[in-house]
């Protein structure tokens, strides 16, 4: 565990390619605040127990659990942690609703997603695996917490300091980051990562233009004076504006690559996805790759640079002359 003044990093293992989610504990005179939760699995629960014992606090000393967003690696253990600590779980209303949309027992989101992928040219041998794959995540997010809602523009006490709550959408519609204006520290969740690009995906029932939202967030956040970023994946870093510039360039290059692919003629999103990310993908990685491809193509469509046409049962993207 790494420590910075009142803040401790807690690396929790994940059973999929990211390998680690970094939660944080903030120490205050009134108790302890947990930032993000990990998955509800034995490994993450054991590591929270180990962290608690090494740091020397009891579960009833946790005063609040704060979530940056609803994705399983951040949200999954929040319900169990709430049961054990009795502490409130604070998150955005949008992400609480989307967690239920994707992970509730009766949700049809897995079938809706499979149908969306089929419409965009993904073959049945892939789409038939999507519902079961998505439902496999339920075991890692139950029980759901009973959340208390917070939103951008408010302030929140984390430990003994007042942080500004910043709405930083793109990776998730209700994603929140937390900024200490005195130390110029940013607890950024998946908004800004030092080594990998935050996944920007189009999901059914969510933001119809998430890449625009993310690029707008980068523009809005660029002027914030940040000396240190505490991300959910990768090491703590201080190259804040440089990283924003790198991510803007990454998406510019990817958009140009997609337009280049379309110069030869209309293509379904699935084919563009395989051209960019390759075909040797796990079902987990394919889901993110295709949804990210759709986010970029829909960004271009909203800008009028590509059009969407129907050919048989398949949707094709074409360059706008």
C-alpha atoms as a PDB file:
ATOM      1  CA  UNK A   1       0.000   0.000   0.000  1.00  0.00           C
ATOM      2  CA  UNK A   2       1.185   3.493  -0.845  1.00  0.00           C
ATOM      3  CA  UNK A   3       0.394   6.465   1.406  1.00  0.00           C
ATOM      4  CA  UNK A   4       0.118  10.208   0.732  1.00  0.00           C
ATOM      5  CA  UNK A   5      -0.594  12.230   3.883  1.00  0.00           C
ATOM      6  CA  UNK A   6      -4.183  11.233   4.832  1.00  0.00           C
ATOM      7  CA  UNK A   7      -4.758   9.088   1.717  1.00  0.00           C
ATOM      8  CA  UNK A   8      -3.908   5.385   1.271  1.00  0.00           C
ATOM      9  CA  UNK A   9      -4.028   3.451  -2.004  1.00  0.00           C
ATOM     10  CA  UNK A  10      -5.688   0.008  -1.894  1.00  0.00           C
ATOM     11  CA  UNK A  11      -4.947  -2.159  -4.991  1.00  0.00           C
ATOM     12  CA  UNK A  12      -7.708  -4.775  -5.375  1.00  0.00           C
ATOM     13  CA  UNK A  13      -7.328  -7.733  -7.788  1.00  0.00           C
ATOM     14  CA  UNK A  14      -9.649  -8.219 -10.773  1.00  0.00           C
ATOM     15  CA  UNK A  15     -10.309 -11.490 -12.650  1.00  0.00           C
ATOM     16  CA  UNK A  16     -10.225  -9.773 -16.061  1.00  0.00           C
ATOM     17  CA  UNK A  17      -7.601  -7.936 -18.142  1.00  0.00           C
ATOM     18  CA  UNK A  18      -7.269  -4.717 -16.099  1.00  0.00           C
ATOM     19  CA  UNK A  19      -5.930  -6.913 -13.255  1.00  0.00           C
ATOM     20  CA  UNK A  20      -6.122  -4.184 -10.554  1.00  0.00           C
ATOM     21  CA  UNK A  21      -8.608  -1.518  -9.402  1.00  0.00           C
ATOM     22  CA  UNK A  22      -7.170   1.065  -7.046  1.00  0.00           C
ATOM     23  CA  UNK A  23      -9.524   2.096  -4.283  1.00  0.00           C
ATOM     24  CA  UNK A  24      -8.497   4.692  -1.711  1.00  0.00           C
ATOM     25  CA  UNK A  25      -8.948   5.169   2.023  1.00  0.00           C
ATOM     26  CA  UNK A  26      -8.995   8.710   3.423  1.00  0.00           C
ATOM     27  CA  UNK A  27      -8.322   9.106   7.143  1.00  0.00           C
ATOM     28  CA  UNK A  28     -10.129  11.827   9.078  1.00  0.00           C
ATOM     29  CA  UNK A  29     -10.771  12.818  12.674  1.00  0.00           C
ATOM     30  CA  UNK A  30     -14.328  11.466  12.340  1.00  0.00           C
ATOM     31  CA  UNK A  31     -13.410   8.107  10.812  1.00  0.00           C
ATOM     32  CA  UNK A  32     -12.500   6.716   7.425  1.00  0.00           C
ATOM     33  CA  UNK A  33     -13.830   7.274   3.907  1.00  0.00           C
ATOM     34  CA  UNK A  34     -13.563   4.559   1.229  1.00  0.00           C
ATOM     35  CA  UNK A  35     -13.340   5.699  -2.398  1.00  0.00           C
ATOM     36  CA  UNK A  36     -14.586   2.900  -4.719  1.00  0.00           C
ATOM     37  CA  UNK A  37     -15.129  -0.664  -3.637  1.00  0.00           C
ATOM     38  CA  UNK A  38     -13.789  -3.389  -5.943  1.00  0.00           C
ATOM     39  CA  UNK A  39     -15.781  -6.496  -6.875  1.00  0.00           C
ATOM     40  CA  UNK A  40     -17.828  -8.597  -4.479  1.00  0.00           C
ATOM     41  CA  UNK A  41     -15.418 -11.531  -4.631  1.00  0.00           C
ATOM     42  CA  UNK A  42     -13.387 -13.359  -1.985  1.00  0.00           C
ATOM     43  CA  UNK A  43     -10.074 -11.846  -3.101  1.00  0.00           C
ATOM     44  CA  UNK A  44     -11.230  -8.232  -2.833  1.00  0.00           C
ATOM     45  CA  UNK A  45     -13.037  -8.787   0.447  1.00  0.00           C
ATOM     46  CA  UNK A  46      -9.917 -10.421   1.909  1.00  0.00           C
ATOM     47  CA  UNK A  47      -7.794  -7.504   0.793  1.00  0.00           C
ATOM     48  CA  UNK A  48     -10.148  -4.988   2.417  1.00  0.00           C
ATOM     49  CA  UNK A  49      -9.908  -7.014   5.643  1.00  0.00           C
ATOM     50  CA  UNK A  50      -6.112  -7.044   5.384  1.00  0.00           C
ATOM     51  CA  UNK A  51      -6.053  -3.279   4.705  1.00  0.00           C
ATOM     52  CA  UNK A  52      -8.314  -2.571   7.665  1.00  0.00           C
ATOM     53  CA  UNK A  53      -6.139  -4.603  10.032  1.00  0.00           C
ATOM     54  CA  UNK A  54      -2.847  -3.169   8.764  1.00  0.00           C
ATOM     55  CA  UNK A  55      -4.149   0.407   9.051  1.00  0.00           C
ATOM     56  CA  UNK A  56      -5.735  -0.295  12.440  1.00  0.00           C
ATOM     57  CA  UNK A  57      -9.392   0.648  11.969  1.00  0.00           C
ATOM     58  CA  UNK A  58     -12.714  -1.097  12.600  1.00  0.00           C
ATOM     59  CA  UNK A  59     -15.567  -1.419  10.121  1.00  0.00           C
ATOM     60  CA  UNK A  60     -17.796   0.761  12.326  1.00  0.00           C
ATOM     61  CA  UNK A  61     -15.248   3.578  11.914  1.00  0.00           C
ATOM     62  CA  UNK A  62     -16.055   3.890   8.204  1.00  0.00           C
ATOM     63  CA  UNK A  63     -18.106   7.078   7.898  1.00  0.00           C
ATOM     64  CA  UNK A  64     -18.843   6.998   4.173  1.00  0.00           C
ATOM     65  CA  UNK A  65     -18.306   4.991   0.980  1.00  0.00           C
ATOM     66  CA  UNK A  66     -17.955   7.148  -2.134  1.00  0.00           C
ATOM     67  CA  UNK A  67     -18.185   5.759  -5.682  1.00  0.00           C
ATOM     68  CA  UNK A  68     -16.765   7.459  -8.767  1.00  0.00           C
ATOM     69  CA  UNK A  69     -19.075   5.448 -11.071  1.00  0.00           C
ATOM     70  CA  UNK A  70     -21.178   2.306 -11.460  1.00  0.00           C
ATOM     71  CA  UNK A  71     -18.857  -0.089 -13.309  1.00  0.00           C
ATOM     72  CA  UNK A  72     -18.526  -3.403 -11.433  1.00  0.00           C
ATOM     73  CA  UNK A  73     -14.892  -2.977 -10.373  1.00  0.00           C
ATOM     74  CA  UNK A  74     -15.824   0.287  -8.624  1.00  0.00           C
ATOM     75  CA  UNK A  75     -19.377  -0.535  -7.482  1.00  0.00           C
ATOM     76  CA  UNK A  76     -19.427  -4.277  -6.858  1.00  0.00           C
ATOM     77  CA  UNK A  77     -18.572  -4.524  -3.149  1.00  0.00           C
ATOM     78  CA  UNK A  78     -20.393  -1.331  -2.154  1.00  0.00           C
ATOM     79  CA  UNK A  79     -23.545  -3.153  -1.021  1.00  0.00           C
ATOM     80  CA  UNK A  80     -21.676  -5.598   1.203  1.00  0.00           C
ATOM     81  CA  UNK A  81     -19.459  -2.829   2.585  1.00  0.00           C
ATOM     82  CA  UNK A  82     -22.592  -0.840   3.409  1.00  0.00           C
ATOM     83  CA  UNK A  83     -24.085  -3.812   5.247  1.00  0.00           C
ATOM     84  CA  UNK A  84     -20.915  -4.363   7.284  1.00  0.00           C
ATOM     85  CA  UNK A  85     -20.183  -0.705   8.084  1.00  0.00           C
ATOM     86  CA  UNK A  86     -23.648   0.875   8.212  1.00  0.00           C
ATOM     87  CA  UNK A  87     -22.116   3.772   6.273  1.00  0.00           C
ATOM     88  CA  UNK A  88     -23.885   5.662   3.469  1.00  0.00           C
ATOM     89  CA  UNK A  89     -22.895   4.918  -0.134  1.00  0.00           C
ATOM     90  CA  UNK A  90     -22.595   8.171  -2.078  1.00  0.00           C
ATOM     91  CA  UNK A  91     -22.763   8.233  -5.893  1.00  0.00           C
ATOM     92  CA  UNK A  92     -24.474  10.010  -8.778  1.00  0.00           C
ATOM     93  CA  UNK A  93     -28.148   9.292  -9.397  1.00  0.00           C
ATOM     94  CA  UNK A  94     -27.401   8.569 -13.068  1.00  0.00           C
ATOM     95  CA  UNK A  95     -24.900   5.843 -12.255  1.00  0.00           C
ATOM     96  CA  UNK A  96     -27.109   4.311  -9.562  1.00  0.00           C
ATOM     97  CA  UNK A  97     -29.871   3.988 -12.161  1.00  0.00           C
ATOM     98  CA  UNK A  98     -27.525   2.543 -14.778  1.00  0.00           C
ATOM     99  CA  UNK A  99     -26.158  -0.007 -12.320  1.00  0.00           C
ATOM    100  CA  UNK A 100     -29.717  -1.265 -11.864  1.00  0.00           C
ATOM    101  CA  UNK A 101     -30.359  -1.137 -15.622  1.00  0.00           C
ATOM    102  CA  UNK A 102     -27.383  -3.362 -16.387  1.00  0.00           C
ATOM    103  CA  UNK A 103     -27.162  -5.611 -13.334  1.00  0.00           C
ATOM    104  CA  UNK A 104     -30.694  -6.085 -11.955  1.00  0.00           C
ATOM    105  CA  UNK A 105     -31.938  -9.680 -12.021  1.00  0.00           C
ATOM    106  CA  UNK A 106     -34.833  -8.924 -14.378  1.00  0.00           C
ATOM    107  CA  UNK A 107     -32.906  -6.591 -16.697  1.00  0.00           C
ATOM    108  CA  UNK A 108     -33.120  -7.216 -20.443  1.00  0.00           C
ATOM    109  CA  UNK A 109     -29.965  -5.098 -21.052  1.00  0.00           C
ATOM    110  CA  UNK A 110     -27.895  -8.195 -22.029  1.00  0.00           C
ATOM    111  CA  UNK A 111     -30.345  -9.063 -24.835  1.00  0.00           C
ATOM    112  CA  UNK A 112     -30.659  -5.408 -25.894  1.00  0.00           C
ATOM    113  CA  UNK A 113     -26.874  -5.185 -26.182  1.00  0.00           C
ATOM    114  CA  UNK A 114     -26.661  -8.426 -28.172  1.00  0.00           C
ATOM    115  CA  UNK A 115     -29.350  -7.139 -30.560  1.00  0.00           C
ATOM    116  CA  UNK A 116     -27.484  -3.847 -30.990  1.00  0.00           C
ATOM    117  CA  UNK A 117     -24.286  -5.685 -31.877  1.00  0.00           C
ATOM    118  CA  UNK A 118     -26.145  -7.939 -34.326  1.00  0.00           C
ATOM    119  CA  UNK A 119     -27.606  -4.875 -36.081  1.00  0.00           C
ATOM    120  CA  UNK A 120     -24.062  -3.562 -36.448  1.00  0.00           C
ATOM    121  CA  UNK A 121     -22.798  -6.699 -38.166  1.00  0.00           C
ATOM    122  CA  UNK A 122     -21.556  -8.935 -35.350  1.00  0.00           C
ATOM    123  CA  UNK A 123     -22.065 -12.615 -36.152  1.00  0.00           C
ATOM    124  CA  UNK A 124     -24.306 -14.892 -34.109  1.00  0.00           C
ATOM    125  CA  UNK A 125     -21.417 -16.942 -32.734  1.00  0.00           C
ATOM    126  CA  UNK A 126     -20.375 -13.755 -30.902  1.00  0.00           C
ATOM    127  CA  UNK A 127     -23.781 -12.221 -30.116  1.00  0.00           C
ATOM    128  CA  UNK A 128     -25.144 -15.466 -28.643  1.00  0.00           C
ATOM    129  CA  UNK A 129     -22.451 -15.266 -25.952  1.00  0.00           C
ATOM    130  CA  UNK A 130     -23.151 -11.667 -24.904  1.00  0.00           C
ATOM    131  CA  UNK A 131     -26.175 -12.181 -22.584  1.00  0.00           C
ATOM    132  CA  UNK A 132     -24.524 -14.899 -20.513  1.00  0.00           C
ATOM    133  CA  UNK A 133     -21.263 -12.967 -20.355  1.00  0.00           C
ATOM    134  CA  UNK A 134     -22.994  -9.820 -19.107  1.00  0.00           C
ATOM    135  CA  UNK A 135     -25.085 -11.717 -16.559  1.00  0.00           C
ATOM    136  CA  UNK A 136     -21.925 -13.297 -15.152  1.00  0.00           C
ATOM    137  CA  UNK A 137     -21.143  -9.896 -13.637  1.00  0.00           C
ATOM    138  CA  UNK A 138     -24.204  -9.991 -11.368  1.00  0.00           C
ATOM    139  CA  UNK A 139     -22.453 -12.189  -8.826  1.00  0.00           C
ATOM    140  CA  UNK A 140     -19.813  -9.454  -8.409  1.00  0.00           C
ATOM    141  CA  UNK A 141     -22.243  -6.548  -7.824  1.00  0.00           C
ATOM    142  CA  UNK A 142     -24.866  -8.021  -5.493  1.00  0.00           C
ATOM    143  CA  UNK A 143     -26.143  -7.007  -3.063  1.00  0.00           C
ATOM    144  CA  UNK A 144     -26.758  -3.541  -4.517  1.00  0.00           C
ATOM    145  CA  UNK A 145     -26.181  -0.648  -2.105  1.00  0.00           C
ATOM    146  CA  UNK A 146     -28.907   1.770  -1.058  1.00  0.00           C
ATOM    147  CA  UNK A 147     -27.256   4.931  -2.344  1.00  0.00           C
ATOM    148  CA  UNK A 148     -27.386   8.561  -1.303  1.00  0.00           C
ATOM    149  CA  UNK A 149     -27.069  10.849  -4.312  1.00  0.00           C
ATOM    150  CA  UNK A 150     -24.380  13.461  -4.843  1.00  0.00           C
ATOM    151  CA  UNK A 151     -23.693  15.523  -7.951  1.00  0.00           C
ATOM    152  CA  UNK A 152     -21.204  17.781  -9.676  1.00  0.00           C
ATOM    153  CA  UNK A 153     -21.075  21.324  -8.343  1.00  0.00           C
ATOM    154  CA  UNK A 154     -21.478  20.236  -4.721  1.00  0.00           C
ATOM    155  CA  UNK A 155     -18.758  19.923  -2.112  1.00  0.00           C
ATOM    156  CA  UNK A 156     -18.074  16.884   0.025  1.00  0.00           C
ATOM    157  CA  UNK A 157     -15.970  16.315   3.111  1.00  0.00           C
ATOM    158  CA  UNK A 158     -13.511  13.464   2.591  1.00  0.00           C
ATOM    159  CA  UNK A 159     -11.525  12.923   5.767  1.00  0.00           C
ATOM    160  CA  UNK A 160     -10.982  16.408   7.192  1.00  0.00           C
ATOM    161  CA  UNK A 161     -10.898  18.258   3.854  1.00  0.00           C
ATOM    162  CA  UNK A 162     -13.521  19.790   1.595  1.00  0.00           C
ATOM    163  CA  UNK A 163     -13.413  18.450  -1.948  1.00  0.00           C
ATOM    164  CA  UNK A 164     -15.260  19.813  -4.956  1.00  0.00           C
ATOM    165  CA  UNK A 165     -17.401  17.203  -6.744  1.00  0.00           C
ATOM    166  CA  UNK A 166     -16.812  17.381 -10.502  1.00  0.00           C
ATOM    167  CA  UNK A 167     -19.070  15.702 -13.076  1.00  0.00           C
ATOM    168  CA  UNK A 168     -16.629  14.103 -15.530  1.00  0.00           C
ATOM    169  CA  UNK A 169     -18.740  12.065 -17.999  1.00  0.00           C
ATOM    170  CA  UNK A 170     -17.625  10.064 -21.011  1.00  0.00           C
ATOM    171  CA  UNK A 171     -16.379   6.821 -19.498  1.00  0.00           C
ATOM    172  CA  UNK A 172     -19.661   6.642 -17.549  1.00  0.00           C
ATOM    173  CA  UNK A 173     -22.572   9.060 -17.837  1.00  0.00           C
ATOM    174  CA  UNK A 174     -22.623   9.996 -14.156  1.00  0.00           C
ATOM    175  CA  UNK A 175     -18.891   9.674 -13.481  1.00  0.00           C
ATOM    176  CA  UNK A 176     -17.696  11.869 -10.609  1.00  0.00           C
ATOM    177  CA  UNK A 177     -14.198  13.080  -9.723  1.00  0.00           C
ATOM    178  CA  UNK A 178     -13.144  14.756  -6.466  1.00  0.00           C
ATOM    179  CA  UNK A 179     -10.862  17.791  -6.292  1.00  0.00           C
ATOM    180  CA  UNK A 180      -9.015  19.190  -3.281  1.00  0.00           C
ATOM    181  CA  UNK A 181      -8.389  22.854  -4.264  1.00  0.00           C
ATOM    182  CA  UNK A 182      -5.899  23.413  -1.433  1.00  0.00           C
ATOM    183  CA  UNK A 183      -3.498  20.601  -2.373  1.00  0.00           C
ATOM    184  CA  UNK A 184      -4.637  20.555  -6.020  1.00  0.00           C
ATOM    185  CA  UNK A 185      -5.222  16.799  -5.802  1.00  0.00           C
ATOM    186  CA  UNK A 186      -7.694  15.035  -8.084  1.00  0.00           C
ATOM    187  CA  UNK A 187      -9.225  11.657  -7.217  1.00  0.00           C
ATOM    188  CA  UNK A 188     -10.207  10.845 -10.767  1.00  0.00           C
ATOM    189  CA  UNK A 189     -11.607   7.299 -10.952  1.00  0.00           C
ATOM    190  CA  UNK A 190     -11.459   6.324 -14.624  1.00  0.00           C
ATOM    191  CA  UNK A 191     -11.704   9.898 -15.955  1.00  0.00           C
ATOM    192  CA  UNK A 192      -7.951  10.204 -16.550  1.00  0.00           C
ATOM    193  CA  UNK A 193      -5.560   7.236 -16.503  1.00  0.00           C
ATOM    194  CA  UNK A 194      -1.777   7.470 -16.855  1.00  0.00           C
ATOM    195  CA  UNK A 195      -1.008   4.400 -18.979  1.00  0.00           C
ATOM    196  CA  UNK A 196      -4.176   3.282 -20.739  1.00  0.00           C
ATOM    197  CA  UNK A 197      -6.970   5.132 -22.472  1.00  0.00           C
ATOM    198  CA  UNK A 198     -10.243   5.211 -20.533  1.00  0.00           C
ATOM    199  CA  UNK A 199     -12.788   3.150 -22.437  1.00  0.00           C
ATOM    200  CA  UNK A 200     -15.369   5.407 -24.098  1.00  0.00           C
ATOM    201  CA  UNK A 201     -18.285   3.214 -25.133  1.00  0.00           C
ATOM    202  CA  UNK A 202     -21.742   3.510 -26.608  1.00  0.00           C
ATOM    203  CA  UNK A 203     -24.184   1.491 -24.492  1.00  0.00           C
ATOM    204  CA  UNK A 204     -27.933   1.082 -25.102  1.00  0.00           C
ATOM    205  CA  UNK A 205     -30.040   3.357 -22.930  1.00  0.00           C
ATOM    206  CA  UNK A 206     -27.080   5.615 -22.121  1.00  0.00           C
ATOM    207  CA  UNK A 207     -25.457   8.747 -23.583  1.00  0.00           C
ATOM    208  CA  UNK A 208     -25.986   8.667 -27.387  1.00  0.00           C
ATOM    209  CA  UNK A 209     -22.704  10.530 -28.006  1.00  0.00           C
ATOM    210  CA  UNK A 210     -20.293   9.555 -25.200  1.00  0.00           C
ATOM    211  CA  UNK A 211     -17.122  10.501 -27.078  1.00  0.00           C
ATOM    212  CA  UNK A 212     -18.375  14.063 -27.487  1.00  0.00           C
ATOM    213  CA  UNK A 213     -19.135  14.092 -23.752  1.00  0.00           C
ATOM    214  CA  UNK A 214     -15.645  12.836 -22.959  1.00  0.00           C
ATOM    215  CA  UNK A 215     -13.842  15.296 -25.237  1.00  0.00           C
ATOM    216  CA  UNK A 216     -15.971  18.100 -23.779  1.00  0.00           C
ATOM    217  CA  UNK A 217     -14.984  16.920 -20.290  1.00  0.00           C
ATOM    218  CA  UNK A 218     -11.288  16.985 -21.242  1.00  0.00           C
ATOM    219  CA  UNK A 219     -11.694  20.547 -22.572  1.00  0.00           C
ATOM    220  CA  UNK A 220     -13.568  21.647 -19.460  1.00  0.00           C
ATOM    221  CA  UNK A 221     -11.090  20.046 -17.051  1.00  0.00           C
ATOM    222  CA  UNK A 222      -7.910  21.148 -18.833  1.00  0.00           C
ATOM    223  CA  UNK A 223      -7.689  24.511 -17.066  1.00  0.00           C
ATOM    224  CA  UNK A 224      -8.046  22.981 -13.581  1.00  0.00           C
ATOM    225  CA  UNK A 225      -4.765  23.409 -11.651  1.00  0.00           C
ATOM    226  CA  UNK A 226      -3.917  19.795 -10.751  1.00  0.00           C
ATOM    227  CA  UNK A 227      -0.632  18.787  -9.140  1.00  0.00           C
ATOM    228  CA  UNK A 228      -1.411  15.110  -8.502  1.00  0.00           C
ATOM    229  CA  UNK A 229      -3.913  12.632  -9.939  1.00  0.00           C
ATOM    230  CA  UNK A 230      -5.033   9.541  -8.029  1.00  0.00           C
ATOM    231  CA  UNK A 231      -6.410   7.220 -10.743  1.00  0.00           C
ATOM    232  CA  UNK A 232      -8.272   3.932 -10.462  1.00  0.00           C
ATOM    233  CA  UNK A 233      -5.842   2.119 -12.767  1.00  0.00           C
ATOM    234  CA  UNK A 234      -2.108   2.761 -12.984  1.00  0.00           C
ATOM    235  CA  UNK A 235       0.241   4.780 -10.776  1.00  0.00           C
ATOM    236  CA  UNK A 236      -0.428   8.168  -9.214  1.00  0.00           C
ATOM    237  CA  UNK A 237       0.865  10.831 -11.629  1.00  0.00           C
ATOM    238  CA  UNK A 238       1.486  14.556 -11.958  1.00  0.00           C
ATOM    239  CA  UNK A 239       1.503  15.058 -15.752  1.00  0.00           C
ATOM    240  CA  UNK A 240      -2.122  16.184 -15.786  1.00  0.00           C
ATOM    241  CA  UNK A 241      -2.297  18.518 -18.793  1.00  0.00           C
ATOM    242  CA  UNK A 242       0.161  16.448 -20.805  1.00  0.00           C
ATOM    243  CA  UNK A 243      -2.057  13.401 -20.314  1.00  0.00           C
ATOM    244  CA  UNK A 244      -5.160  15.305 -21.408  1.00  0.00           C
ATOM    245  CA  UNK A 245      -3.323  16.359 -24.579  1.00  0.00           C
ATOM    246  CA  UNK A 246      -2.252  12.744 -25.238  1.00  0.00           C
ATOM    247  CA  UNK A 247      -5.815  11.468 -24.876  1.00  0.00           C
ATOM    248  CA  UNK A 248      -7.204  14.123 -27.230  1.00  0.00           C
ATOM    249  CA  UNK A 249      -4.600  13.128 -29.808  1.00  0.00           C
ATOM    250  CA  UNK A 250      -5.363   9.429 -29.330  1.00  0.00           C
ATOM    251  CA  UNK A 251      -9.026   9.968 -30.180  1.00  0.00           C
ATOM    252  CA  UNK A 252      -8.214  12.266 -33.116  1.00  0.00           C
ATOM    253  CA  UNK A 253      -5.976   9.562 -34.631  1.00  0.00           C
ATOM    254  CA  UNK A 254      -8.603   6.864 -34.070  1.00  0.00           C
ATOM    255  CA  UNK A 255     -11.323   8.940 -35.752  1.00  0.00           C
ATOM    256  CA  UNK A 256      -9.063   9.516 -38.764  1.00  0.00           C
ATOM    257  CA  UNK A 257      -8.295   5.784 -38.953  1.00  0.00           C
ATOM    258  CA  UNK A 258     -12.011   4.983 -39.071  1.00  0.00           C
ATOM    259  CA  UNK A 259     -12.618   7.516 -41.826  1.00  0.00           C
ATOM    260  CA  UNK A 260      -9.710   6.010 -43.781  1.00  0.00           C
ATOM    261  CA  UNK A 261     -11.273   2.546 -43.497  1.00  0.00           C
ATOM    262  CA  UNK A 262     -14.548   3.902 -44.881  1.00  0.00           C
ATOM    263  CA  UNK A 263     -12.886   5.364 -47.992  1.00  0.00           C
ATOM    264  CA  UNK A 264     -13.124   1.930 -49.629  1.00  0.00           C
ATOM    265  CA  UNK A 265     -16.907   1.857 -49.103  1.00  0.00           C
ATOM    266  CA  UNK A 266     -19.592   1.369 -46.430  1.00  0.00           C
ATOM    267  CA  UNK A 267     -18.813  -1.013 -43.561  1.00  0.00           C
ATOM    268  CA  UNK A 268     -20.620  -2.320 -40.483  1.00  0.00           C
ATOM    269  CA  UNK A 269     -19.227  -1.252 -37.130  1.00  0.00           C
ATOM    270  CA  UNK A 270     -18.205  -4.837 -36.308  1.00  0.00           C
ATOM    271  CA  UNK A 271     -15.878  -4.978 -39.319  1.00  0.00           C
ATOM    272  CA  UNK A 272     -14.327  -1.622 -38.414  1.00  0.00           C
ATOM    273  CA  UNK A 273     -13.867  -2.895 -34.852  1.00  0.00           C
ATOM    274  CA  UNK A 274     -11.970  -5.996 -36.026  1.00  0.00           C
ATOM    275  CA  UNK A 275      -9.793  -3.900 -38.352  1.00  0.00           C
ATOM    276  CA  UNK A 276      -8.751  -1.663 -35.468  1.00  0.00           C
ATOM    277  CA  UNK A 277      -8.610  -4.057 -32.514  1.00  0.00           C
ATOM    278  CA  UNK A 278      -7.882  -7.352 -34.325  1.00  0.00           C
ATOM    279  CA  UNK A 279      -9.930 -10.538 -34.296  1.00  0.00           C
ATOM    280  CA  UNK A 280      -8.201 -12.389 -31.474  1.00  0.00           C
ATOM    281  CA  UNK A 281     -10.423 -10.914 -28.762  1.00  0.00           C
ATOM    282  CA  UNK A 282     -12.007 -12.435 -25.688  1.00  0.00           C
ATOM    283  CA  UNK A 283     -15.766 -11.886 -25.341  1.00  0.00           C
ATOM    284  CA  UNK A 284     -14.935  -9.398 -22.543  1.00  0.00           C
ATOM    285  CA  UNK A 285     -12.565  -7.372 -24.727  1.00  0.00           C
ATOM    286  CA  UNK A 286     -14.826  -7.593 -27.773  1.00  0.00           C
ATOM    287  CA  UNK A 287     -17.670  -5.977 -25.813  1.00  0.00           C
ATOM    288  CA  UNK A 288     -15.514  -2.977 -24.962  1.00  0.00           C
ATOM    289  CA  UNK A 289     -13.877  -2.810 -28.398  1.00  0.00           C
ATOM    290  CA  UNK A 290     -17.158  -2.805 -30.334  1.00  0.00           C
ATOM    291  CA  UNK A 291     -18.874  -0.348 -28.006  1.00  0.00           C
ATOM    292  CA  UNK A 292     -15.838   1.950 -28.252  1.00  0.00           C
ATOM    293  CA  UNK A 293     -15.916   1.650 -32.045  1.00  0.00           C
ATOM    294  CA  UNK A 294     -19.598   2.611 -32.013  1.00  0.00           C
ATOM    295  CA  UNK A 295     -18.857   5.608 -29.783  1.00  0.00           C
ATOM    296  CA  UNK A 296     -16.355   6.913 -32.345  1.00  0.00           C
ATOM    297  CA  UNK A 297     -18.600   6.237 -35.330  1.00  0.00           C
ATOM    298  CA  UNK A 298     -21.567   7.911 -33.666  1.00  0.00           C
ATOM    299  CA  UNK A 299     -19.385  10.922 -32.871  1.00  0.00           C
ATOM    300  CA  UNK A 300     -18.571  11.179 -36.592  1.00  0.00           C
ATOM    301  CA  UNK A 301     -22.241  10.700 -37.500  1.00  0.00           C
ATOM    302  CA  UNK A 302     -23.399  13.462 -35.166  1.00  0.00           C
ATOM    303  CA  UNK A 303     -20.781  15.723 -36.783  1.00  0.00           C
ATOM    304  CA  UNK A 304     -22.159  14.894 -40.230  1.00  0.00           C
ATOM    305  CA  UNK A 305     -18.923  13.218 -41.378  1.00  0.00           C
ATOM    306  CA  UNK A 306     -20.455   9.749 -41.816  1.00  0.00           C
ATOM    307  CA  UNK A 307     -23.951   8.447 -42.446  1.00  0.00           C
ATOM    308  CA  UNK A 308     -25.728   5.299 -41.293  1.00  0.00           C
ATOM    309  CA  UNK A 309     -27.590   3.216 -43.858  1.00  0.00           C
ATOM    310  CA  UNK A 310     -29.495  -0.043 -43.667  1.00  0.00           C
ATOM    311  CA  UNK A 311     -28.613  -2.945 -45.940  1.00  0.00           C
ATOM    312  CA  UNK A 312     -30.811  -5.959 -45.255  1.00  0.00           C
ATOM    313  CA  UNK A 313     -30.754  -6.412 -41.476  1.00  0.00           C
ATOM    314  CA  UNK A 314     -27.353  -4.787 -41.051  1.00  0.00           C
ATOM    315  CA  UNK A 315     -26.459  -1.130 -40.431  1.00  0.00           C
ATOM    316  CA  UNK A 316     -23.507   0.249 -42.384  1.00  0.00           C
ATOM    317  CA  UNK A 317     -21.485   3.413 -41.866  1.00  0.00           C
ATOM    318  CA  UNK A 318     -20.466   5.379 -44.951  1.00  0.00           C
ATOM    319  CA  UNK A 319     -18.385   8.488 -45.483  1.00  0.00           C
ATOM    320  CA  UNK A 320     -20.453  11.564 -46.218  1.00  0.00           C
ATOM    321  CA  UNK A 321     -19.360  12.856 -49.639  1.00  0.00           C
END
